């Protein structure tokens, strides 16, 4: 019997294939950081994670043009795979792992857009032990992928496809009560307020939501009826100098990613990837960011 993955509701991946995808990712990640070649990042990563990775190796290559052969190999062990069942593409699965870098659980979300495409890591978020939510599974141990397409209600207080846009709107206005207070919300806005006007420069921000196909939101139903939603956004920070002040860059990563001429202003572009817990409508509550990673990916002088 032939099973058509584009129509039938099937597991997104077999466990053996998931384990291989994880192994391919760690090997590819290590090779990219040893050779410091941005093209190698794209072999095993996509979306926000790939954008961060390309900027990482580009910045390091400016210091080590011959590569970094002594870069310690990334190891991800104790893998717990959460595999949803779904129809159509893209498909995804989650690897909940321990690394040889720290004591956190590393959640790596893999996705692919078709049967002939390789699995690539789209999101990587870090969680303290005991903070990863429990996912709803059926009798076969398969998880539930929450719908993200328009016209398919999820039963959540915020649709997965709307998380990035709602978040960037919040950063811009501070209005609404969708998001819980925390480092990614109220604290971030407070930090920005302190930089809005200083004696030497003023700052403007432009926050841009991201979505499919390049940055697809992905969501897994949790046992409590809510969901863990992975999403991405871009954040541009323009610092314009006061009269008589010339912008200067001292941080090595920024120097390596800088284009243009520094005369009166500098624009810093960052990408963020987040894992947020979104409650179900039946229980209500606010969206809580469990982890958010933001990284500089470009700088432009004016």
C-alpha atoms as a PDB file:
ATOM      1  CA  UNK A   1       0.000   0.000   0.000  1.00  0.00           C
ATOM      2  CA  UNK A   2       1.318   3.467  -0.866  1.00  0.00           C
ATOM      3  CA  UNK A   3       0.901   6.182   1.752  1.00  0.00           C
ATOM      4  CA  UNK A   4       0.815   9.728   0.403  1.00  0.00           C
ATOM      5  CA  UNK A   5       2.362  12.077   2.962  1.00  0.00           C
ATOM      6  CA  UNK A   6       0.734  15.056   1.324  1.00  0.00           C
ATOM      7  CA  UNK A   7      -2.783  13.663   2.028  1.00  0.00           C
ATOM      8  CA  UNK A   8      -2.657  11.011   4.728  1.00  0.00           C
ATOM      9  CA  UNK A   9      -2.280  11.848   8.412  1.00  0.00           C
ATOM     10  CA  UNK A  10       0.959  10.061   9.260  1.00  0.00           C
ATOM     11  CA  UNK A  11       3.877  10.413  11.692  1.00  0.00           C
ATOM     12  CA  UNK A  12       6.160  13.196  10.482  1.00  0.00           C
ATOM     13  CA  UNK A  13       9.221  10.947  10.884  1.00  0.00           C
ATOM     14  CA  UNK A  14      10.273   7.505  12.090  1.00  0.00           C
ATOM     15  CA  UNK A  15      12.372   7.498  15.262  1.00  0.00           C
ATOM     16  CA  UNK A  16      15.427   6.060  13.473  1.00  0.00           C
ATOM     17  CA  UNK A  17      15.246   8.808  10.857  1.00  0.00           C
ATOM     18  CA  UNK A  18      14.847  11.428  13.591  1.00  0.00           C
ATOM     19  CA  UNK A  19      17.972  10.125  15.337  1.00  0.00           C
ATOM     20  CA  UNK A  20      19.885  10.322  12.058  1.00  0.00           C
ATOM     21  CA  UNK A  21      18.709  13.897  11.460  1.00  0.00           C
ATOM     22  CA  UNK A  22      19.960  14.844  14.921  1.00  0.00           C
ATOM     23  CA  UNK A  23      23.320  13.187  14.296  1.00  0.00           C
ATOM     24  CA  UNK A  24      23.628  14.901  10.893  1.00  0.00           C
ATOM     25  CA  UNK A  25      22.881  18.243  12.527  1.00  0.00           C
ATOM     26  CA  UNK A  26      25.524  17.927  15.238  1.00  0.00           C
ATOM     27  CA  UNK A  27      28.124  16.778  12.715  1.00  0.00           C
ATOM     28  CA  UNK A  28      27.245  19.576  10.290  1.00  0.00           C
ATOM     29  CA  UNK A  29      27.179  22.175  13.062  1.00  0.00           C
ATOM     30  CA  UNK A  30      30.641  21.149  14.228  1.00  0.00           C
ATOM     31  CA  UNK A  31      32.061  21.160  10.694  1.00  0.00           C
ATOM     32  CA  UNK A  32      30.633  24.635   9.985  1.00  0.00           C
ATOM     33  CA  UNK A  33      32.176  26.079  13.131  1.00  0.00           C
ATOM     34  CA  UNK A  34      35.515  24.387  12.513  1.00  0.00           C
ATOM     35  CA  UNK A  35      35.802  25.482   8.889  1.00  0.00           C
ATOM     36  CA  UNK A  36      33.951  28.760   9.551  1.00  0.00           C
ATOM     37  CA  UNK A  37      32.086  28.427   6.286  1.00  0.00           C
ATOM     38  CA  UNK A  38      28.576  29.992   6.179  1.00  0.00           C
ATOM     39  CA  UNK A  39      27.598  27.677   3.294  1.00  0.00           C
ATOM     40  CA  UNK A  40      27.997  24.667   5.583  1.00  0.00           C
ATOM     41  CA  UNK A  41      25.458  26.150   7.996  1.00  0.00           C
ATOM     42  CA  UNK A  42      22.785  26.013   5.288  1.00  0.00           C
ATOM     43  CA  UNK A  43      23.280  22.264   4.874  1.00  0.00           C
ATOM     44  CA  UNK A  44      21.852  21.494   8.304  1.00  0.00           C
ATOM     45  CA  UNK A  45      20.001  24.643   9.410  1.00  0.00           C
ATOM     46  CA  UNK A  46      17.205  26.846   8.107  1.00  0.00           C
ATOM     47  CA  UNK A  47      15.168  29.881   9.140  1.00  0.00           C
ATOM     48  CA  UNK A  48      16.220  31.971  12.123  1.00  0.00           C
ATOM     49  CA  UNK A  49      18.702  29.382  13.356  1.00  0.00           C
ATOM     50  CA  UNK A  50      20.549  29.403  10.027  1.00  0.00           C
ATOM     51  CA  UNK A  51      20.616  33.200   9.969  1.00  0.00           C
ATOM     52  CA  UNK A  52      22.216  33.230  13.413  1.00  0.00           C
ATOM     53  CA  UNK A  53      24.656  30.490  12.422  1.00  0.00           C
ATOM     54  CA  UNK A  54      25.784  32.253   9.239  1.00  0.00           C
ATOM     55  CA  UNK A  55      26.443  35.446  11.163  1.00  0.00           C
ATOM     56  CA  UNK A  56      28.306  33.506  13.869  1.00  0.00           C
ATOM     57  CA  UNK A  57      30.756  31.848  11.511  1.00  0.00           C
ATOM     58  CA  UNK A  58      31.181  35.014   9.429  1.00  0.00           C
ATOM     59  CA  UNK A  59      32.135  36.993  12.529  1.00  0.00           C
ATOM     60  CA  UNK A  60      34.522  34.307  13.748  1.00  0.00           C
ATOM     61  CA  UNK A  61      36.125  33.948  10.330  1.00  0.00           C
ATOM     62  CA  UNK A  62      37.096  37.627  10.453  1.00  0.00           C
ATOM     63  CA  UNK A  63      39.310  36.746  13.426  1.00  0.00           C
ATOM     64  CA  UNK A  64      40.338  33.255  12.279  1.00  0.00           C
ATOM     65  CA  UNK A  65      40.408  33.320   8.442  1.00  0.00           C
ATOM     66  CA  UNK A  66      41.872  29.799   8.274  1.00  0.00           C
ATOM     67  CA  UNK A  67      39.093  28.332  10.384  1.00  0.00           C
ATOM     68  CA  UNK A  68      38.991  26.976  13.917  1.00  0.00           C
ATOM     69  CA  UNK A  69      39.955  23.269  13.735  1.00  0.00           C
ATOM     70  CA  UNK A  70      40.051  23.004  17.538  1.00  0.00           C
ATOM     71  CA  UNK A  71      36.424  23.997  17.934  1.00  0.00           C
ATOM     72  CA  UNK A  72      34.928  21.420  20.342  1.00  0.00           C
ATOM     73  CA  UNK A  73      32.467  19.045  18.710  1.00  0.00           C
ATOM     74  CA  UNK A  74      28.837  19.596  19.660  1.00  0.00           C
ATOM     75  CA  UNK A  75      27.296  16.575  21.353  1.00  0.00           C
ATOM     76  CA  UNK A  76      23.562  16.151  21.911  1.00  0.00           C
ATOM     77  CA  UNK A  77      22.595  13.115  23.967  1.00  0.00           C
ATOM     78  CA  UNK A  78      19.635  11.763  25.952  1.00  0.00           C
ATOM     79  CA  UNK A  79      17.417  12.628  22.982  1.00  0.00           C
ATOM     80  CA  UNK A  80      13.665  12.484  23.590  1.00  0.00           C
ATOM     81  CA  UNK A  81      11.833  12.786  20.300  1.00  0.00           C
ATOM     82  CA  UNK A  82       8.363  14.305  20.092  1.00  0.00           C
ATOM     83  CA  UNK A  83       6.886  13.285  16.751  1.00  0.00           C
ATOM     84  CA  UNK A  84       3.547  14.745  15.636  1.00  0.00           C
ATOM     85  CA  UNK A  85       1.245  13.216  13.074  1.00  0.00           C
ATOM     86  CA  UNK A  86       0.124  15.442  10.243  1.00  0.00           C
ATOM     87  CA  UNK A  87      -0.874  15.649   6.599  1.00  0.00           C
ATOM     88  CA  UNK A  88       0.896  17.746   4.012  1.00  0.00           C
ATOM     89  CA  UNK A  89       4.093  19.752   4.184  1.00  0.00           C
ATOM     90  CA  UNK A  90       6.124  21.039   5.885  1.00  0.00           C
ATOM     91  CA  UNK A  91       6.528  18.344   8.485  1.00  0.00           C
ATOM     92  CA  UNK A  92       8.457  18.741  11.718  1.00  0.00           C
ATOM     93  CA  UNK A  93       9.527  17.036  14.909  1.00  0.00           C
ATOM     94  CA  UNK A  94      11.182  18.011  18.170  1.00  0.00           C
ATOM     95  CA  UNK A  95      14.363  16.634  19.753  1.00  0.00           C
ATOM     96  CA  UNK A  96      14.649  17.354  23.494  1.00  0.00           C
ATOM     97  CA  UNK A  97      18.329  16.803  24.326  1.00  0.00           C
ATOM     98  CA  UNK A  98      21.206  17.367  26.714  1.00  0.00           C
ATOM     99  CA  UNK A  99      24.352  18.979  25.335  1.00  0.00           C
ATOM    100  CA  UNK A 100      28.023  19.011  26.255  1.00  0.00           C
ATOM    101  CA  UNK A 101      27.807  22.811  26.558  1.00  0.00           C
ATOM    102  CA  UNK A 102      25.655  23.409  29.654  1.00  0.00           C
ATOM    103  CA  UNK A 103      23.044  21.859  31.949  1.00  0.00           C
ATOM    104  CA  UNK A 104      20.014  23.060  29.954  1.00  0.00           C
ATOM    105  CA  UNK A 105      17.736  20.937  27.843  1.00  0.00           C
ATOM    106  CA  UNK A 106      18.307  21.881  24.199  1.00  0.00           C
ATOM    107  CA  UNK A 107      15.118  21.751  22.160  1.00  0.00           C
ATOM    108  CA  UNK A 108      15.917  21.393  18.471  1.00  0.00           C
ATOM    109  CA  UNK A 109      13.007  21.611  16.035  1.00  0.00           C
ATOM    110  CA  UNK A 110      13.605  19.944  12.674  1.00  0.00           C
ATOM    111  CA  UNK A 111      11.558  20.631   9.577  1.00  0.00           C
ATOM    112  CA  UNK A 112      11.500  19.800   5.887  1.00  0.00           C
ATOM    113  CA  UNK A 113       9.305  20.966   3.048  1.00  0.00           C
ATOM    114  CA  UNK A 114       9.029  17.762   1.037  1.00  0.00           C
ATOM    115  CA  UNK A 115       9.871  14.076   0.897  1.00  0.00           C
ATOM    116  CA  UNK A 116      13.003  14.665  -1.188  1.00  0.00           C
ATOM    117  CA  UNK A 117      14.333  17.473   1.031  1.00  0.00           C
ATOM    118  CA  UNK A 118      16.718  16.910   3.955  1.00  0.00           C
ATOM    119  CA  UNK A 119      15.708  17.522   7.544  1.00  0.00           C
ATOM    120  CA  UNK A 120      17.103  20.831   8.821  1.00  0.00           C
ATOM    121  CA  UNK A 121      17.114  22.417  12.266  1.00  0.00           C
ATOM    122  CA  UNK A 122      14.842  25.480  12.245  1.00  0.00           C
ATOM    123  CA  UNK A 123      14.752  26.406  15.940  1.00  0.00           C
ATOM    124  CA  UNK A 124      17.025  25.796  18.918  1.00  0.00           C
ATOM    125  CA  UNK A 125      15.938  26.982  22.358  1.00  0.00           C
ATOM    126  CA  UNK A 126      17.396  26.357  25.830  1.00  0.00           C
ATOM    127  CA  UNK A 127      15.383  25.302  28.875  1.00  0.00           C
ATOM    128  CA  UNK A 128      16.312  24.615  32.472  1.00  0.00           C
ATOM    129  CA  UNK A 129      15.723  21.012  33.570  1.00  0.00           C
ATOM    130  CA  UNK A 130      12.099  20.426  34.515  1.00  0.00           C
ATOM    131  CA  UNK A 131      10.723  23.392  32.535  1.00  0.00           C
ATOM    132  CA  UNK A 132       9.948  21.669  29.229  1.00  0.00           C
ATOM    133  CA  UNK A 133       6.164  21.243  29.068  1.00  0.00           C
ATOM    134  CA  UNK A 134       4.583  17.814  28.688  1.00  0.00           C
ATOM    135  CA  UNK A 135       3.107  17.226  25.249  1.00  0.00           C
ATOM    136  CA  UNK A 136      -0.214  15.585  24.508  1.00  0.00           C
ATOM    137  CA  UNK A 137       0.212  12.184  22.828  1.00  0.00           C
ATOM    138  CA  UNK A 138      -2.131   9.470  21.571  1.00  0.00           C
ATOM    139  CA  UNK A 139      -2.083   5.731  22.184  1.00  0.00           C
ATOM    140  CA  UNK A 140       0.779   5.324  19.720  1.00  0.00           C
ATOM    141  CA  UNK A 141       2.880   7.947  21.468  1.00  0.00           C
ATOM    142  CA  UNK A 142       2.430  10.480  18.657  1.00  0.00           C
ATOM    143  CA  UNK A 143       2.081  14.175  19.419  1.00  0.00           C
ATOM    144  CA  UNK A 144      -0.426  16.653  18.029  1.00  0.00           C
ATOM    145  CA  UNK A 145       0.751  19.369  15.656  1.00  0.00           C
ATOM    146  CA  UNK A 146      -1.345  22.485  16.226  1.00  0.00           C
ATOM    147  CA  UNK A 147      -2.786  23.932  12.973  1.00  0.00           C
ATOM    148  CA  UNK A 148      -1.062  27.094  11.782  1.00  0.00           C
ATOM    149  CA  UNK A 149      -2.825  27.566   8.448  1.00  0.00           C
ATOM    150  CA  UNK A 150      -5.475  30.261   8.057  1.00  0.00           C
ATOM    151  CA  UNK A 151      -8.992  29.000   8.572  1.00  0.00           C
ATOM    152  CA  UNK A 152      -7.954  26.177  10.915  1.00  0.00           C
ATOM    153  CA  UNK A 153      -8.661  27.386  14.463  1.00  0.00           C
ATOM    154  CA  UNK A 154      -6.318  26.043  17.105  1.00  0.00           C
ATOM    155  CA  UNK A 155      -8.397  26.622  20.226  1.00  0.00           C
ATOM    156  CA  UNK A 156      -5.599  28.776  21.672  1.00  0.00           C
ATOM    157  CA  UNK A 157      -5.781  32.305  23.080  1.00  0.00           C
ATOM    158  CA  UNK A 158      -3.464  33.312  20.218  1.00  0.00           C
ATOM    159  CA  UNK A 159      -3.134  31.489  16.915  1.00  0.00           C
ATOM    160  CA  UNK A 160       0.428  30.147  16.336  1.00  0.00           C
ATOM    161  CA  UNK A 161       0.740  32.061  13.049  1.00  0.00           C
ATOM    162  CA  UNK A 162      -0.165  35.284  14.894  1.00  0.00           C
ATOM    163  CA  UNK A 163       2.396  35.019  17.707  1.00  0.00           C
ATOM    164  CA  UNK A 164       5.245  36.770  15.872  1.00  0.00           C
ATOM    165  CA  UNK A 165       3.037  39.638  14.682  1.00  0.00           C
ATOM    166  CA  UNK A 166       1.378  40.109  18.073  1.00  0.00           C
ATOM    167  CA  UNK A 167       4.774  40.115  19.751  1.00  0.00           C
ATOM    168  CA  UNK A 168       6.322  42.702  17.438  1.00  0.00           C
ATOM    169  CA  UNK A 169       3.198  44.874  17.821  1.00  0.00           C
ATOM    170  CA  UNK A 170       3.603  44.637  21.587  1.00  0.00           C
ATOM    171  CA  UNK A 171       7.255  45.649  21.414  1.00  0.00           C
ATOM    172  CA  UNK A 172       6.261  48.676  19.338  1.00  0.00           C
ATOM    173  CA  UNK A 173       3.284  49.852  21.395  1.00  0.00           C
ATOM    174  CA  UNK A 174       3.378  48.122  24.779  1.00  0.00           C
ATOM    175  CA  UNK A 175      -0.380  47.729  24.495  1.00  0.00           C
ATOM    176  CA  UNK A 176      -2.484  44.649  25.183  1.00  0.00           C
ATOM    177  CA  UNK A 177      -2.451  41.952  27.799  1.00  0.00           C
ATOM    178  CA  UNK A 178      -1.676  38.922  25.625  1.00  0.00           C
ATOM    179  CA  UNK A 179       1.880  38.448  26.902  1.00  0.00           C
ATOM    180  CA  UNK A 180       2.909  37.855  30.497  1.00  0.00           C
ATOM    181  CA  UNK A 181       5.479  40.186  32.101  1.00  0.00           C
ATOM    182  CA  UNK A 182       9.059  38.961  31.804  1.00  0.00           C
ATOM    183  CA  UNK A 183      12.464  39.388  30.238  1.00  0.00           C
ATOM    184  CA  UNK A 184      11.201  39.127  26.653  1.00  0.00           C
ATOM    185  CA  UNK A 185       8.319  41.563  27.177  1.00  0.00           C
ATOM    186  CA  UNK A 186       8.150  44.189  29.933  1.00  0.00           C
ATOM    187  CA  UNK A 187      11.867  44.029  30.719  1.00  0.00           C
ATOM    188  CA  UNK A 188      12.879  44.353  27.070  1.00  0.00           C
ATOM    189  CA  UNK A 189      10.660  47.400  26.622  1.00  0.00           C
ATOM    190  CA  UNK A 190      12.127  48.946  29.779  1.00  0.00           C
ATOM    191  CA  UNK A 191      15.653  48.324  28.483  1.00  0.00           C
ATOM    192  CA  UNK A 192      14.750  49.998  25.202  1.00  0.00           C
ATOM    193  CA  UNK A 193      13.249  52.993  26.979  1.00  0.00           C
ATOM    194  CA  UNK A 194      16.589  53.680  28.617  1.00  0.00           C
ATOM    195  CA  UNK A 195      18.254  53.872  25.188  1.00  0.00           C
ATOM    196  CA  UNK A 196      15.543  55.896  23.435  1.00  0.00           C
ATOM    197  CA  UNK A 197      17.226  59.215  24.237  1.00  0.00           C
ATOM    198  CA  UNK A 198      20.721  59.565  25.656  1.00  0.00           C
ATOM    199  CA  UNK A 199      23.169  62.490  25.686  1.00  0.00           C
ATOM    200  CA  UNK A 200      25.087  61.033  22.709  1.00  0.00           C
ATOM    201  CA  UNK A 201      22.480  59.231  20.577  1.00  0.00           C
ATOM    202  CA  UNK A 202      18.808  58.422  20.151  1.00  0.00           C
ATOM    203  CA  UNK A 203      17.390  55.068  19.110  1.00  0.00           C
ATOM    204  CA  UNK A 204      14.541  53.922  16.879  1.00  0.00           C
ATOM    205  CA  UNK A 205      13.373  50.310  16.583  1.00  0.00           C
ATOM    206  CA  UNK A 206      11.579  48.465  13.799  1.00  0.00           C
ATOM    207  CA  UNK A 207      10.318  44.998  14.722  1.00  0.00           C
ATOM    208  CA  UNK A 208       9.224  42.745  11.868  1.00  0.00           C
ATOM    209  CA  UNK A 209       7.168  39.551  12.262  1.00  0.00           C
ATOM    210  CA  UNK A 210       8.331  36.507  10.339  1.00  0.00           C
ATOM    211  CA  UNK A 211       6.269  33.663   8.926  1.00  0.00           C
ATOM    212  CA  UNK A 212       6.237  30.842   6.387  1.00  0.00           C
ATOM    213  CA  UNK A 213       7.814  29.811   4.142  1.00  0.00           C
ATOM    214  CA  UNK A 214      11.205  31.027   5.342  1.00  0.00           C
ATOM    215  CA  UNK A 215      10.380  31.232   9.043  1.00  0.00           C
ATOM    216  CA  UNK A 216       7.388  28.942   9.624  1.00  0.00           C
ATOM    217  CA  UNK A 217       5.782  29.012  13.076  1.00  0.00           C
ATOM    218  CA  UNK A 218       5.554  25.507  14.512  1.00  0.00           C
ATOM    219  CA  UNK A 219       3.437  24.369  17.437  1.00  0.00           C
ATOM    220  CA  UNK A 220       2.877  21.248  19.536  1.00  0.00           C
ATOM    221  CA  UNK A 221      -0.171  20.680  21.730  1.00  0.00           C
ATOM    222  CA  UNK A 222       0.626  20.377  25.446  1.00  0.00           C
ATOM    223  CA  UNK A 223      -1.175  18.147  27.943  1.00  0.00           C
ATOM    224  CA  UNK A 224      -3.080  21.098  29.429  1.00  0.00           C
ATOM    225  CA  UNK A 225      -4.690  21.946  26.078  1.00  0.00           C
ATOM    226  CA  UNK A 226      -2.341  24.804  25.281  1.00  0.00           C
ATOM    227  CA  UNK A 227       0.662  24.654  22.992  1.00  0.00           C
ATOM    228  CA  UNK A 228       4.373  25.287  22.787  1.00  0.00           C
ATOM    229  CA  UNK A 229       4.837  27.638  19.836  1.00  0.00           C
ATOM    230  CA  UNK A 230       8.147  28.306  18.101  1.00  0.00           C
ATOM    231  CA  UNK A 231       8.393  31.571  16.166  1.00  0.00           C
ATOM    232  CA  UNK A 232      10.897  34.124  14.872  1.00  0.00           C
ATOM    233  CA  UNK A 233      11.146  37.879  14.352  1.00  0.00           C
ATOM    234  CA  UNK A 234      13.597  40.514  13.125  1.00  0.00           C
ATOM    235  CA  UNK A 235      14.527  43.571  15.174  1.00  0.00           C
ATOM    236  CA  UNK A 236      16.265  46.621  13.707  1.00  0.00           C
ATOM    237  CA  UNK A 237      17.805  49.162  16.036  1.00  0.00           C
ATOM    238  CA  UNK A 238      18.950  52.466  14.533  1.00  0.00           C
ATOM    239  CA  UNK A 239      21.199  54.658  16.659  1.00  0.00           C
ATOM    240  CA  UNK A 240      21.534  58.220  15.396  1.00  0.00           C
ATOM    241  CA  UNK A 241      24.346  60.246  16.925  1.00  0.00           C
ATOM    242  CA  UNK A 242      23.945  63.685  18.448  1.00  0.00           C
ATOM    243  CA  UNK A 243      25.517  66.571  16.561  1.00  0.00           C
ATOM    244  CA  UNK A 244      29.290  66.399  16.737  1.00  0.00           C
ATOM    245  CA  UNK A 245      29.342  62.742  17.820  1.00  0.00           C
ATOM    246  CA  UNK A 246      30.651  60.102  15.426  1.00  0.00           C
ATOM    247  CA  UNK A 247      29.464  56.484  15.834  1.00  0.00           C
ATOM    248  CA  UNK A 248      32.112  53.980  16.881  1.00  0.00           C
ATOM    249  CA  UNK A 249      32.148  50.185  16.997  1.00  0.00           C
ATOM    250  CA  UNK A 250      34.358  48.307  19.431  1.00  0.00           C
ATOM    251  CA  UNK A 251      32.631  44.914  19.733  1.00  0.00           C
ATOM    252  CA  UNK A 252      34.309  42.354  17.475  1.00  0.00           C
ATOM    253  CA  UNK A 253      31.131  40.674  16.190  1.00  0.00           C
ATOM    254  CA  UNK A 254      29.639  44.018  15.174  1.00  0.00           C
ATOM    255  CA  UNK A 255      32.864  45.009  13.403  1.00  0.00           C
ATOM    256  CA  UNK A 256      32.864  41.766  11.414  1.00  0.00           C
ATOM    257  CA  UNK A 257      29.257  42.206  10.289  1.00  0.00           C
ATOM    258  CA  UNK A 258      29.497  45.937   9.555  1.00  0.00           C
ATOM    259  CA  UNK A 259      28.858  47.399   6.100  1.00  0.00           C
ATOM    260  CA  UNK A 260      28.647  51.019   4.968  1.00  0.00           C
ATOM    261  CA  UNK A 261      30.467  54.013   6.452  1.00  0.00           C
ATOM    262  CA  UNK A 262      30.056  55.158  10.032  1.00  0.00           C
ATOM    263  CA  UNK A 263      29.308  58.868   9.896  1.00  0.00           C
ATOM    264  CA  UNK A 264      26.089  59.747  11.711  1.00  0.00           C
ATOM    265  CA  UNK A 265      24.238  56.510  12.479  1.00  0.00           C
ATOM    266  CA  UNK A 266      24.393  52.739  12.741  1.00  0.00           C
ATOM    267  CA  UNK A 267      21.591  50.212  12.253  1.00  0.00           C
ATOM    268  CA  UNK A 268      21.873  46.880  14.056  1.00  0.00           C
ATOM    269  CA  UNK A 269      19.751  44.001  12.748  1.00  0.00           C
ATOM    270  CA  UNK A 270      19.010  41.101  15.045  1.00  0.00           C
ATOM    271  CA  UNK A 271      16.937  37.951  14.654  1.00  0.00           C
ATOM    272  CA  UNK A 272      15.145  36.240  17.522  1.00  0.00           C
ATOM    273  CA  UNK A 273      13.849  32.702  17.893  1.00  0.00           C
ATOM    274  CA  UNK A 274      11.438  31.933  20.688  1.00  0.00           C
ATOM    275  CA  UNK A 275       9.601  29.131  22.425  1.00  0.00           C
ATOM    276  CA  UNK A 276       6.393  30.432  23.997  1.00  0.00           C
ATOM    277  CA  UNK A 277       3.725  28.640  25.973  1.00  0.00           C
ATOM    278  CA  UNK A 278       0.313  29.653  24.615  1.00  0.00           C
ATOM    279  CA  UNK A 279      -2.719  28.695  26.770  1.00  0.00           C
ATOM    280  CA  UNK A 280      -5.901  27.213  25.427  1.00  0.00           C
ATOM    281  CA  UNK A 281      -9.015  29.366  25.264  1.00  0.00           C
ATOM    282  CA  UNK A 282     -10.801  27.047  27.660  1.00  0.00           C
ATOM    283  CA  UNK A 283      -8.365  27.818  30.471  1.00  0.00           C
ATOM    284  CA  UNK A 284      -7.296  31.298  29.407  1.00  0.00           C
ATOM    285  CA  UNK A 285      -4.187  33.116  30.549  1.00  0.00           C
ATOM    286  CA  UNK A 286      -1.278  34.936  28.982  1.00  0.00           C
ATOM    287  CA  UNK A 287       1.420  33.833  26.588  1.00  0.00           C
ATOM    288  CA  UNK A 288       4.662  33.081  28.441  1.00  0.00           C
ATOM    289  CA  UNK A 289       8.083  33.080  26.776  1.00  0.00           C
ATOM    290  CA  UNK A 290       9.968  30.034  28.039  1.00  0.00           C
ATOM    291  CA  UNK A 291      13.091  30.949  26.070  1.00  0.00           C
ATOM    292  CA  UNK A 292      14.050  33.636  23.593  1.00  0.00           C
ATOM    293  CA  UNK A 293      17.414  33.867  21.830  1.00  0.00           C
ATOM    294  CA  UNK A 294      18.306  37.096  20.020  1.00  0.00           C
ATOM    295  CA  UNK A 295      21.469  37.514  17.987  1.00  0.00           C
ATOM    296  CA  UNK A 296      23.071  40.227  15.842  1.00  0.00           C
ATOM    297  CA  UNK A 297      23.104  39.256  12.165  1.00  0.00           C
ATOM    298  CA  UNK A 298      24.007  42.529  10.404  1.00  0.00           C
ATOM    299  CA  UNK A 299      25.209  46.081  11.037  1.00  0.00           C
ATOM    300  CA  UNK A 300      25.150  49.036   8.641  1.00  0.00           C
ATOM    301  CA  UNK A 301      26.800  52.409   9.036  1.00  0.00           C
ATOM    302  CA  UNK A 302      25.391  55.637   7.646  1.00  0.00           C
END
